[in-house]
Amino acid sequence: MLRRKPTRLELKLDDIEEFESIRKDLETRKKQKEDVDVVGGSDGEGAIGLSSDPKNREQMINDRIGYKPQAKPNNRSSQFGSFEF
């Protein structure tokens, strides 16, 4: 394997300003989302949404990670096709 000298990275003032503006934008979006969640969650759960209902908790986790489960059909024709027994 060939080795090369380490590359020097220089942080410029423009880079710092861009980072700060993006960070502030993300913080304001997060705060707005939390405000909407607090207003929407008026049943006492708040923005965190901790509840004893496992289905509700599972749904919140699925929404957060972007998972959309497909419903499984319970009839035999969907499991085995059009076979006759």
C-alpha atoms as a PDB file:
ATOM      1  CA  MET A   1       0.000   0.000   0.000  1.00  0.00           C
ATOM      2  CA  LEU A   2       1.301   3.456  -0.834  1.00  0.00           C
ATOM      3  CA  ARG A   3       1.392   5.966   1.947  1.00  0.00           C
ATOM      4  CA  ARG A   4       0.947   9.629   1.398  1.00  0.00           C
ATOM      5  CA  LYS A   5       1.449  12.656   3.546  1.00  0.00           C
ATOM      6  CA  PRO A   6      -1.591  13.815   5.550  1.00  0.00           C
ATOM      7  CA  THR A   7      -3.742  16.407   3.844  1.00  0.00           C
ATOM      8  CA  ARG A   8      -3.979  19.700   5.648  1.00  0.00           C
ATOM      9  CA  LEU A   9      -7.478  21.073   6.120  1.00  0.00           C
ATOM     10  CA  GLU A  10      -7.938  24.738   6.798  1.00  0.00           C
ATOM     11  CA  LEU A  11     -11.059  26.082   8.444  1.00  0.00           C
ATOM     12  CA  LYS A  12     -12.032  29.460   7.038  1.00  0.00           C
ATOM     13  CA  LEU A  13     -14.300  32.127   8.467  1.00  0.00           C
ATOM     14  CA  ASP A  14     -16.864  31.513   5.718  1.00  0.00           C
ATOM     15  CA  ASP A  15     -17.052  27.848   6.701  1.00  0.00           C
ATOM     16  CA  ILE A  16     -17.693  28.729  10.346  1.00  0.00           C
ATOM     17  CA  GLU A  17     -20.411  31.227   9.406  1.00  0.00           C
ATOM     18  CA  GLU A  18     -22.096  28.686   7.117  1.00  0.00           C
ATOM     19  CA  PHE A  19     -22.014  26.064   9.864  1.00  0.00           C
ATOM     20  CA  GLU A  20     -23.527  28.455  12.405  1.00  0.00           C
ATOM     21  CA  SER A  21     -26.334  29.500  10.037  1.00  0.00           C
ATOM     22  CA  ILE A  22     -27.215  25.873   9.245  1.00  0.00           C
ATOM     23  CA  ARG A  23     -27.113  24.944  12.945  1.00  0.00           C
ATOM     24  CA  LYS A  24     -29.418  27.839  13.876  1.00  0.00           C
ATOM     25  CA  ASP A  25     -31.806  26.886  11.069  1.00  0.00           C
ATOM     26  CA  LEU A  26     -31.963  23.290  12.292  1.00  0.00           C
ATOM     27  CA  GLU A  27     -32.531  24.433  15.878  1.00  0.00           C
ATOM     28  CA  THR A  28     -35.421  26.677  14.851  1.00  0.00           C
ATOM     29  CA  ARG A  29     -36.991  23.852  12.821  1.00  0.00           C
ATOM     30  CA  LYS A  30     -36.616  21.475  15.774  1.00  0.00           C
ATOM     31  CA  LYS A  31     -38.143  24.028  18.147  1.00  0.00           C
ATOM     32  CA  GLN A  32     -41.081  24.635  15.782  1.00  0.00           C
ATOM     33  CA  LYS A  33     -41.650  20.894  15.486  1.00  0.00           C
ATOM     34  CA  GLU A  34     -41.568  20.502  19.272  1.00  0.00           C
ATOM     35  CA  ASP A  35     -44.037  23.379  19.640  1.00  0.00           C
ATOM     36  CA  VAL A  36     -46.397  21.699  17.169  1.00  0.00           C
ATOM     37  CA  ASP A  37     -46.019  18.364  18.991  1.00  0.00           C
ATOM     38  CA  VAL A  38     -46.748  19.972  22.364  1.00  0.00           C
ATOM     39  CA  VAL A  39     -49.834  21.731  21.012  1.00  0.00           C
ATOM     40  CA  GLY A  40     -50.970  18.570  19.200  1.00  0.00           C
ATOM     41  CA  GLY A  41     -50.346  16.315  22.183  1.00  0.00           C
ATOM     42  CA  SER A  42     -52.818  17.941  24.546  1.00  0.00           C
ATOM     43  CA  ASP A  43     -53.772  14.586  26.120  1.00  0.00           C
ATOM     44  CA  GLY A  44     -51.001  14.982  28.704  1.00  0.00           C
ATOM     45  CA  GLU A  45     -48.287  12.974  26.999  1.00  0.00           C
ATOM     46  CA  GLY A  46     -46.331  16.006  25.827  1.00  0.00           C
ATOM     47  CA  ALA A  47     -43.803  16.032  23.014  1.00  0.00           C
ATOM     48  CA  ILE A  48     -42.067  12.858  24.138  1.00  0.00           C
ATOM     49  CA  GLY A  49     -45.174  10.736  23.816  1.00  0.00           C
ATOM     50  CA  LEU A  50     -44.399   8.178  26.508  1.00  0.00           C
ATOM     51  CA  SER A  51     -47.427   6.030  27.075  1.00  0.00           C
ATOM     52  CA  SER A  52     -48.248   2.616  28.421  1.00  0.00           C
ATOM     53  CA  ASP A  53     -49.888   1.582  25.142  1.00  0.00           C
ATOM     54  CA  PRO A  54     -47.295  -0.523  23.259  1.00  0.00           C
ATOM     55  CA  LYS A  55     -49.046  -0.141  19.882  1.00  0.00           C
ATOM     56  CA  ASN A  56     -48.952   3.659  20.141  1.00  0.00           C
ATOM     57  CA  ARG A  57     -45.275   3.536  21.128  1.00  0.00           C
ATOM     58  CA  GLU A  58     -44.517   1.162  18.246  1.00  0.00           C
ATOM     59  CA  GLN A  59     -46.351   3.463  15.813  1.00  0.00           C
ATOM     60  CA  MET A  60     -44.339   6.476  17.018  1.00  0.00           C
ATOM     61  CA  ILE A  61     -41.075   4.565  16.564  1.00  0.00           C
ATOM     62  CA  ASN A  62     -42.107   3.444  13.074  1.00  0.00           C
ATOM     63  CA  ASP A  63     -42.979   7.038  12.143  1.00  0.00           C
ATOM     64  CA  ARG A  64     -39.664   8.290  13.484  1.00  0.00           C
ATOM     65  CA  ILE A  65     -37.561   5.807  11.500  1.00  0.00           C
ATOM     66  CA  GLY A  66     -39.761   5.939   8.400  1.00  0.00           C
ATOM     67  CA  TYR A  67     -40.951   2.326   8.532  1.00  0.00           C
ATOM     68  CA  LYS A  68     -44.368   1.657   7.054  1.00  0.00           C
ATOM     69  CA  PRO A  69     -45.355  -1.965   7.736  1.00  0.00           C
ATOM     70  CA  GLN A  70     -47.674  -3.691   5.299  1.00  0.00           C
ATOM     71  CA  ALA A  71     -50.735  -5.419   6.703  1.00  0.00           C
ATOM     72  CA  LYS A  72     -50.557  -9.199   6.512  1.00  0.00           C
ATOM     73  CA  PRO A  73     -53.668 -10.870   5.080  1.00  0.00           C
ATOM     74  CA  ASN A  74     -55.093 -13.697   7.195  1.00  0.00           C
ATOM     75  CA  ASN A  75     -56.910 -15.752   4.581  1.00  0.00           C
ATOM     76  CA  ARG A  76     -55.514 -18.963   3.072  1.00  0.00           C
ATOM     77  CA  SER A  77     -55.849 -17.896  -0.549  1.00  0.00           C
ATOM     78  CA  SER A  78     -53.392 -15.059   0.006  1.00  0.00           C
ATOM     79  CA  GLN A  79     -50.920 -17.382   1.730  1.00  0.00           C
ATOM     80  CA  PHE A  80     -51.060 -20.293  -0.697  1.00  0.00           C
ATOM     81  CA  GLY A  81     -52.323 -18.692  -3.891  1.00  0.00           C
ATOM     82  CA  SER A  82     -55.269 -20.302  -5.645  1.00  0.00           C
ATOM     83  CA  PHE A  83     -54.566 -23.887  -4.565  1.00  0.00           C
ATOM     84  CA  GLU A  84     -57.603 -25.927  -3.579  1.00  0.00           C
ATOM     85  CA  PHE A  85     -57.525 -28.317  -0.625  1.00  0.00           C
END
